[in-house]
Amino acid sequence: MRSRIMYLENKAGSLNAMGRIGRVTFSKTGKTIYYGGKSFQSLRGGYKANFYDLESGEQYWISGPKKAGGDRLYGTPGSEIDEDVREEYWTTIRNEPKRSREATS
């Protein structure tokens, strides 16, 4: 399966929730995203959320991380970065290799 580092933020409880940066995988068709034991599909035009969890129905904002940071849909706080993608996130995406051990963006 194809994979990519993505930003994920659960919008079920609050529009200003803490997000995560982690590696997602895609189905063969690319219509389903998998992360952390969950499966997500597009809302196709959702407002303040663009994907939903197939099991719970909870809405999420999922997007590619930005080079300059600021991955969240709305302002602060920062985002937790999964340990298995930290080095790649800080060196390849953010171009800040000195920060490769930092757990939040």
C-alpha atoms as a PDB file:
ATOM      1  CA  MET A   1       0.000   0.000   0.000  1.00  0.00           C
ATOM      2  CA  ARG A   2       1.087   3.559  -0.691  1.00  0.00           C
ATOM      3  CA  SER A   3       1.856   5.651   2.393  1.00  0.00           C
ATOM      4  CA  ARG A   4       2.431   9.300   3.206  1.00  0.00           C
ATOM      5  CA  ILE A   5       3.007  11.526   6.232  1.00  0.00           C
ATOM      6  CA  MET A   6      -0.221  13.437   6.908  1.00  0.00           C
ATOM      7  CA  TYR A   7      -1.747  15.747   9.497  1.00  0.00           C
ATOM      8  CA  LEU A   8      -4.892  14.406  11.254  1.00  0.00           C
ATOM      9  CA  GLU A   9      -7.173  16.336  13.586  1.00  0.00           C
ATOM     10  CA  ASN A  10     -10.367  14.968  15.168  1.00  0.00           C
ATOM     11  CA  LYS A  11     -13.149  17.551  14.886  1.00  0.00           C
ATOM     12  CA  ALA A  12     -15.740  15.620  16.934  1.00  0.00           C
ATOM     13  CA  GLY A  13     -15.129  17.347  20.268  1.00  0.00           C
ATOM     14  CA  SER A  14     -13.810  20.767  19.300  1.00  0.00           C
ATOM     15  CA  LEU A  15     -12.838  22.806  16.277  1.00  0.00           C
ATOM     16  CA  ASN A  16      -9.589  23.654  18.094  1.00  0.00           C
ATOM     17  CA  ALA A  17      -8.315  20.192  19.071  1.00  0.00           C
ATOM     18  CA  MET A  18      -4.707  18.970  19.156  1.00  0.00           C
ATOM     19  CA  GLY A  19      -3.760  17.107  15.984  1.00  0.00           C
ATOM     20  CA  ARG A  20      -1.261  14.408  15.040  1.00  0.00           C
ATOM     21  CA  ILE A  21       1.301  14.039  12.327  1.00  0.00           C
ATOM     22  CA  GLY A  22       1.754  10.429  11.305  1.00  0.00           C
ATOM     23  CA  ARG A  23       2.065   7.994   8.438  1.00  0.00           C
ATOM     24  CA  VAL A  24      -1.185   6.998   6.761  1.00  0.00           C
ATOM     25  CA  THR A  25      -1.702   4.311   4.150  1.00  0.00           C
ATOM     26  CA  PHE A  26      -4.138   4.389   1.258  1.00  0.00           C
ATOM     27  CA  SER A  27      -6.398   1.725  -0.200  1.00  0.00           C
ATOM     28  CA  LYS A  28      -5.702   0.519  -3.756  1.00  0.00           C
ATOM     29  CA  THR A  29      -8.225   3.031  -5.104  1.00  0.00           C
ATOM     30  CA  GLY A  30      -6.949   5.832  -2.843  1.00  0.00           C
ATOM     31  CA  LYS A  31     -10.480   6.484  -1.551  1.00  0.00           C
ATOM     32  CA  THR A  32      -9.837   5.143   1.957  1.00  0.00           C
ATOM     33  CA  ILE A  33      -7.116   6.348   4.332  1.00  0.00           C
ATOM     34  CA  TYR A  34      -5.911   4.141   7.195  1.00  0.00           C
ATOM     35  CA  TYR A  35      -4.271   5.394  10.380  1.00  0.00           C
ATOM     36  CA  GLY A  36      -4.106   4.102  13.942  1.00  0.00           C
ATOM     37  CA  GLY A  37      -6.536   1.247  13.349  1.00  0.00           C
ATOM     38  CA  LYS A  38      -9.118   3.595  11.833  1.00  0.00           C
ATOM     39  CA  SER A  39     -10.437   3.902   8.280  1.00  0.00           C
ATOM     40  CA  PHE A  40     -11.396   7.290   6.830  1.00  0.00           C
ATOM     41  CA  GLN A  41     -13.274   8.365   3.725  1.00  0.00           C
ATOM     42  CA  SER A  42     -13.853  11.775   2.194  1.00  0.00           C
ATOM     43  CA  LEU A  43     -16.829  13.889   3.233  1.00  0.00           C
ATOM     44  CA  ARG A  44     -16.851  15.354  -0.297  1.00  0.00           C
ATOM     45  CA  GLY A  45     -17.306  18.991   0.488  1.00  0.00           C
ATOM     46  CA  GLY A  46     -17.455  18.943   4.280  1.00  0.00           C
ATOM     47  CA  TYR A  47     -17.244  22.152   6.316  1.00  0.00           C
ATOM     48  CA  LYS A  48     -14.301  22.386   8.783  1.00  0.00           C
ATOM     49  CA  ALA A  49     -13.725  18.657   8.256  1.00  0.00           C
ATOM     50  CA  ASN A  50     -12.896  16.739   5.103  1.00  0.00           C
ATOM     51  CA  PHE A  51     -12.926  13.069   6.182  1.00  0.00           C
ATOM     52  CA  TYR A  52     -14.968  10.858   8.499  1.00  0.00           C
ATOM     53  CA  ASP A  53     -14.133   7.718  10.482  1.00  0.00           C
ATOM     54  CA  LEU A  54     -16.022   4.831   8.852  1.00  0.00           C
ATOM     55  CA  GLU A  55     -16.710   3.129  12.196  1.00  0.00           C
ATOM     56  CA  SER A  56     -17.630   6.026  14.504  1.00  0.00           C
ATOM     57  CA  GLY A  57     -18.725   8.649  11.970  1.00  0.00           C
ATOM     58  CA  GLU A  58     -16.535  11.247  13.721  1.00  0.00           C
ATOM     59  CA  GLN A  59     -15.270  13.985  11.438  1.00  0.00           C
ATOM     60  CA  TYR A  60     -11.581  14.761  10.869  1.00  0.00           C
ATOM     61  CA  TRP A  61      -9.426  17.308   9.097  1.00  0.00           C
ATOM     62  CA  ILE A  62      -6.730  15.359   7.211  1.00  0.00           C
ATOM     63  CA  SER A  63      -4.173  17.070   5.017  1.00  0.00           C
ATOM     64  CA  GLY A  64      -0.563  17.011   3.940  1.00  0.00           C
ATOM     65  CA  PRO A  65       1.799  18.755   6.364  1.00  0.00           C
ATOM     66  CA  LYS A  66       3.027  22.205   5.354  1.00  0.00           C
ATOM     67  CA  LYS A  67       6.681  23.115   4.849  1.00  0.00           C
ATOM     68  CA  ALA A  68       6.374  26.168   7.096  1.00  0.00           C
ATOM     69  CA  GLY A  69       4.416  24.336   9.815  1.00  0.00           C
ATOM     70  CA  GLY A  70       0.985  25.609  10.795  1.00  0.00           C
ATOM     71  CA  ASP A  71      -0.614  22.306   9.842  1.00  0.00           C
ATOM     72  CA  ARG A  72      -3.672  22.816  12.017  1.00  0.00           C
ATOM     73  CA  LEU A  73      -6.926  24.009  10.494  1.00  0.00           C
ATOM     74  CA  TYR A  74      -7.130  26.773  13.137  1.00  0.00           C
ATOM     75  CA  GLY A  75      -4.094  28.300  14.912  1.00  0.00           C
ATOM     76  CA  THR A  76      -2.405  26.829  17.981  1.00  0.00           C
ATOM     77  CA  PRO A  77      -1.690  24.520  19.913  1.00  0.00           C
ATOM     78  CA  GLY A  78       0.949  22.496  18.083  1.00  0.00           C
ATOM     79  CA  SER A  79       0.688  18.939  16.850  1.00  0.00           C
ATOM     80  CA  GLU A  80       2.005  15.668  18.243  1.00  0.00           C
ATOM     81  CA  ILE A  81       4.408  13.948  15.854  1.00  0.00           C
ATOM     82  CA  ASP A  82       4.479  10.150  15.824  1.00  0.00           C
ATOM     83  CA  GLU A  83       7.907   8.819  16.781  1.00  0.00           C
ATOM     84  CA  ASP A  84       8.275   6.731  13.627  1.00  0.00           C
ATOM     85  CA  VAL A  85       7.982   9.807  11.339  1.00  0.00           C
ATOM     86  CA  ARG A  86       9.751  12.523  13.369  1.00  0.00           C
ATOM     87  CA  GLU A  87      13.075  12.441  11.578  1.00  0.00           C
ATOM     88  CA  GLU A  88      11.491  12.356   8.114  1.00  0.00           C
ATOM     89  CA  TYR A  89       9.006  15.115   9.028  1.00  0.00           C
ATOM     90  CA  TRP A  90      11.680  17.484  10.368  1.00  0.00           C
ATOM     91  CA  THR A  91      14.289  16.790   7.676  1.00  0.00           C
ATOM     92  CA  THR A  92      12.281  16.191   4.500  1.00  0.00           C
ATOM     93  CA  ILE A  93       9.100  18.212   5.024  1.00  0.00           C
ATOM     94  CA  ARG A  94      10.175  21.054   7.322  1.00  0.00           C
ATOM     95  CA  ASN A  95      13.864  21.149   6.300  1.00  0.00           C
ATOM     96  CA  GLU A  96      14.872  21.578   9.966  1.00  0.00           C
ATOM     97  CA  PRO A  97      17.000  18.499  10.720  1.00  0.00           C
ATOM     98  CA  LYS A  98      18.237  19.929  14.039  1.00  0.00           C
ATOM     99  CA  ARG A  99      14.707  19.514  15.392  1.00  0.00           C
ATOM    100  CA  SER A 100      14.398  15.828  14.404  1.00  0.00           C
ATOM    101  CA  ARG A 101      13.946  14.678  18.020  1.00  0.00           C
ATOM    102  CA  GLU A 102      11.125  17.115  18.822  1.00  0.00           C
ATOM    103  CA  ALA A 103       7.777  15.443  19.472  1.00  0.00           C
ATOM    104  CA  THR A 104       5.600  18.471  18.721  1.00  0.00           C
ATOM    105  CA  SER A 105       5.486  20.997  15.929  1.00  0.00           C
END
